[in-house]
Amino acid sequence: MRLAAPAERGRANDALMRLLADTLGVERASVRLVAGATSRDKVVEVDGMTLAEVERLLSLRPRKGKG
C-alpha cells in the first residue's frame, strides 16, 4: 500500500492503520502495528480476523494507478 501521509511522528503508521481498518470493515482499535514502526515493512494484527480473511479482503481492494 502507498500512503500520502508523511513518515514523521507516526503519521504514516496512523494513516495505514486507519486505511486497513476501513478496508477490512473493523474499528480502528482492532488494528495494531506490532512490528516495523520505523520500517517500510510492517507487521499488523487485526482482532477477530484470520490471516486468510485479511488477505482475501485486501485482494478485493481496487489498486489505484494499476490496470
N, C-alpha and C. Protein backbone atom coordinates (compact mmCIF):
# COMPACT_ATOMS: atom_id res chain seq x y z
N MET A 1 0.85 -1.17 0.00
CA MET A 1 0.00 0.00 0.00
C MET A 1 0.89 1.23 0.00
N ARG A 2 0.44 2.25 -0.68
CA ARG A 2 1.16 3.52 -0.68
C ARG A 2 0.29 4.55 0.04
N LEU A 3 0.95 5.38 0.83
CA LEU A 3 0.24 6.40 1.61
C LEU A 3 0.77 7.78 1.27
N ALA A 4 -0.10 8.76 1.39
CA ALA A 4 0.31 10.14 1.15
C ALA A 4 0.84 10.80 2.43
N ALA A 5 0.51 10.22 3.58
CA ALA A 5 0.93 10.80 4.86
C ALA A 5 2.45 10.73 5.00
N PRO A 6 3.05 11.79 5.55
CA PRO A 6 4.50 11.79 5.74
C PRO A 6 4.92 10.80 6.82
N ALA A 7 6.10 10.25 6.66
CA ALA A 7 6.63 9.29 7.63
C ALA A 7 7.32 10.04 8.76
N GLU A 8 6.58 10.88 9.44
CA GLU A 8 7.14 11.62 10.57
C GLU A 8 6.15 11.59 11.72
N ARG A 9 6.69 11.41 12.92
CA ARG A 9 5.90 11.35 14.14
C ARG A 9 4.74 10.35 14.05
N GLY A 10 4.96 9.26 13.32
CA GLY A 10 3.97 8.19 13.25
C GLY A 10 2.76 8.47 12.37
N ARG A 11 2.77 9.56 11.61
CA ARG A 11 1.60 9.90 10.78
C ARG A 11 1.31 8.84 9.74
N ALA A 12 2.34 8.34 9.08
CA ALA A 12 2.12 7.32 8.05
C ALA A 12 1.60 6.02 8.68
N ASN A 13 2.13 5.66 9.85
CA ASN A 13 1.64 4.46 10.53
C ASN A 13 0.18 4.63 10.91
N ASP A 14 -0.20 5.78 11.44
CA ASP A 14 -1.59 6.04 11.79
C ASP A 14 -2.49 5.98 10.56
N ALA A 15 -2.02 6.56 9.46
CA ALA A 15 -2.80 6.54 8.22
C ALA A 15 -2.99 5.11 7.73
N LEU A 16 -1.94 4.30 7.84
CA LEU A 16 -2.03 2.91 7.42
C LEU A 16 -3.04 2.15 8.28
N MET A 17 -3.00 2.34 9.59
CA MET A 17 -3.94 1.64 10.48
C MET A 17 -5.39 2.04 10.17
N ARG A 18 -5.62 3.33 9.91
CA ARG A 18 -6.97 3.79 9.55
C ARG A 18 -7.42 3.19 8.22
N LEU A 19 -6.52 3.19 7.24
CA LEU A 19 -6.84 2.63 5.93
C LEU A 19 -7.17 1.15 6.03
N LEU A 20 -6.36 0.41 6.77
CA LEU A 20 -6.62 -1.02 6.94
C LEU A 20 -7.95 -1.26 7.64
N ALA A 21 -8.22 -0.50 8.69
CA ALA A 21 -9.49 -0.66 9.41
C ALA A 21 -10.68 -0.39 8.48
N ASP A 22 -10.61 0.68 7.72
CA ASP A 22 -11.69 1.00 6.79
C ASP A 22 -11.85 -0.09 5.74
N THR A 23 -10.75 -0.54 5.17
CA THR A 23 -10.78 -1.55 4.11
C THR A 23 -11.31 -2.88 4.63
N LEU A 24 -10.94 -3.22 5.85
CA LEU A 24 -11.34 -4.51 6.42
C LEU A 24 -12.69 -4.45 7.12
N GLY A 25 -13.23 -3.25 7.29
CA GLY A 25 -14.54 -3.10 7.92
C GLY A 25 -14.54 -3.35 9.42
N VAL A 26 -13.43 -2.96 10.06
CA VAL A 26 -13.33 -3.12 11.52
C VAL A 26 -13.06 -1.76 12.16
N GLU A 27 -13.21 -1.70 13.45
CA GLU A 27 -12.90 -0.49 14.20
C GLU A 27 -11.39 -0.25 14.18
N ARG A 28 -10.99 1.00 14.21
CA ARG A 28 -9.57 1.35 14.22
C ARG A 28 -8.84 0.68 15.38
N ALA A 29 -9.50 0.56 16.52
CA ALA A 29 -8.87 -0.04 17.71
C ALA A 29 -8.57 -1.52 17.52
N SER A 30 -9.17 -2.16 16.52
CA SER A 30 -8.94 -3.57 16.25
C SER A 30 -7.69 -3.83 15.44
N VAL A 31 -7.06 -2.77 14.94
CA VAL A 31 -5.87 -2.89 14.09
C VAL A 31 -4.68 -2.32 14.84
N ARG A 32 -3.64 -3.16 15.02
CA ARG A 32 -2.46 -2.74 15.76
C ARG A 32 -1.19 -3.01 14.99
N LEU A 33 -0.29 -2.08 15.03
CA LEU A 33 1.05 -2.27 14.47
C LEU A 33 1.88 -2.98 15.53
N VAL A 34 2.32 -4.20 15.23
CA VAL A 34 3.08 -4.96 16.23
C VAL A 34 4.57 -4.98 15.96
N ALA A 35 4.97 -4.63 14.74
CA ALA A 35 6.41 -4.56 14.41
C ALA A 35 6.59 -3.69 13.17
N GLY A 36 7.72 -3.00 13.14
CA GLY A 36 8.07 -2.22 11.96
C GLY A 36 7.68 -0.76 12.01
N ALA A 37 7.58 -0.20 13.19
CA ALA A 37 7.15 1.20 13.33
C ALA A 37 8.04 2.17 12.54
N THR A 38 9.32 1.85 12.42
CA THR A 38 10.22 2.75 11.71
C THR A 38 10.72 2.15 10.39
N SER A 39 10.06 1.08 9.96
CA SER A 39 10.48 0.39 8.75
C SER A 39 9.39 0.48 7.68
N ARG A 40 9.78 0.25 6.44
CA ARG A 40 8.78 0.17 5.36
C ARG A 40 7.97 -1.12 5.47
N ASP A 41 8.56 -2.15 6.07
CA ASP A 41 7.88 -3.43 6.27
C ASP A 41 7.19 -3.42 7.62
N LYS A 42 5.91 -3.73 7.63
CA LYS A 42 5.10 -3.68 8.85
C LYS A 42 4.53 -5.05 9.16
N VAL A 43 4.30 -5.30 10.44
CA VAL A 43 3.54 -6.46 10.89
C VAL A 43 2.35 -5.90 11.65
N VAL A 44 1.16 -6.28 11.19
CA VAL A 44 -0.08 -5.74 11.74
C VAL A 44 -0.93 -6.88 12.28
N GLU A 45 -1.61 -6.64 13.38
CA GLU A 45 -2.53 -7.61 13.96
C GLU A 45 -3.94 -7.03 13.88
N VAL A 46 -4.89 -7.86 13.47
CA VAL A 46 -6.28 -7.43 13.37
C VAL A 46 -7.12 -8.36 14.25
N ASP A 47 -7.75 -7.80 15.28
CA ASP A 47 -8.58 -8.60 16.18
C ASP A 47 -9.77 -9.19 15.43
N GLY A 48 -10.04 -10.46 15.69
CA GLY A 48 -11.23 -11.12 15.17
C GLY A 48 -11.16 -11.55 13.73
N MET A 49 -9.99 -11.49 13.10
CA MET A 49 -9.85 -11.91 11.71
C MET A 49 -8.64 -12.82 11.56
N THR A 50 -8.79 -13.81 10.69
CA THR A 50 -7.66 -14.68 10.38
C THR A 50 -6.84 -14.04 9.27
N LEU A 51 -5.63 -14.54 9.10
CA LEU A 51 -4.78 -14.06 8.02
C LEU A 51 -5.47 -14.26 6.67
N ALA A 52 -6.12 -15.40 6.50
CA ALA A 52 -6.80 -15.69 5.23
C ALA A 52 -7.91 -14.67 4.96
N GLU A 53 -8.66 -14.29 5.99
CA GLU A 53 -9.72 -13.29 5.82
C GLU A 53 -9.15 -11.94 5.42
N VAL A 54 -8.08 -11.53 6.09
CA VAL A 54 -7.43 -10.25 5.79
C VAL A 54 -6.91 -10.25 4.35
N GLU A 55 -6.21 -11.32 3.98
CA GLU A 55 -5.66 -11.40 2.62
C GLU A 55 -6.77 -11.37 1.57
N ARG A 56 -7.87 -12.06 1.82
CA ARG A 56 -8.98 -12.07 0.86
C ARG A 56 -9.56 -10.68 0.69
N LEU A 57 -9.81 -9.98 1.79
CA LEU A 57 -10.39 -8.64 1.71
C LEU A 57 -9.43 -7.66 1.04
N LEU A 58 -8.15 -7.76 1.35
CA LEU A 58 -7.19 -6.85 0.72
C LEU A 58 -7.03 -7.14 -0.77
N SER A 59 -7.19 -8.38 -1.16
CA SER A 59 -7.08 -8.71 -2.59
C SER A 59 -8.26 -8.18 -3.38
N LEU A 60 -9.39 -7.92 -2.74
CA LEU A 60 -10.57 -7.37 -3.40
C LEU A 60 -10.49 -5.87 -3.58
N ARG A 61 -9.58 -5.23 -2.86
CA ARG A 61 -9.44 -3.77 -2.90
C ARG A 61 -8.87 -3.34 -4.24
N PRO A 62 -9.55 -2.41 -4.94
CA PRO A 62 -9.02 -1.95 -6.22
C PRO A 62 -7.69 -1.23 -6.05
N ARG A 63 -6.78 -1.43 -7.00
CA ARG A 63 -5.47 -0.79 -6.95
C ARG A 63 -5.52 0.48 -7.78
N LYS A 64 -5.16 1.59 -7.15
CA LYS A 64 -5.12 2.87 -7.88
C LYS A 64 -3.89 2.91 -8.75
N GLY A 65 -4.07 3.44 -9.96
CA GLY A 65 -2.95 3.60 -10.88
C GLY A 65 -2.55 2.32 -11.58
N LYS A 66 -3.26 1.25 -11.33
CA LYS A 66 -2.96 -0.02 -12.00
C LYS A 66 -4.08 -0.35 -12.96
N GLY A 67 -3.74 -0.98 -14.09
CA GLY A 67 -4.76 -1.52 -14.94
C GLY A 67 -4.97 -0.79 -16.16
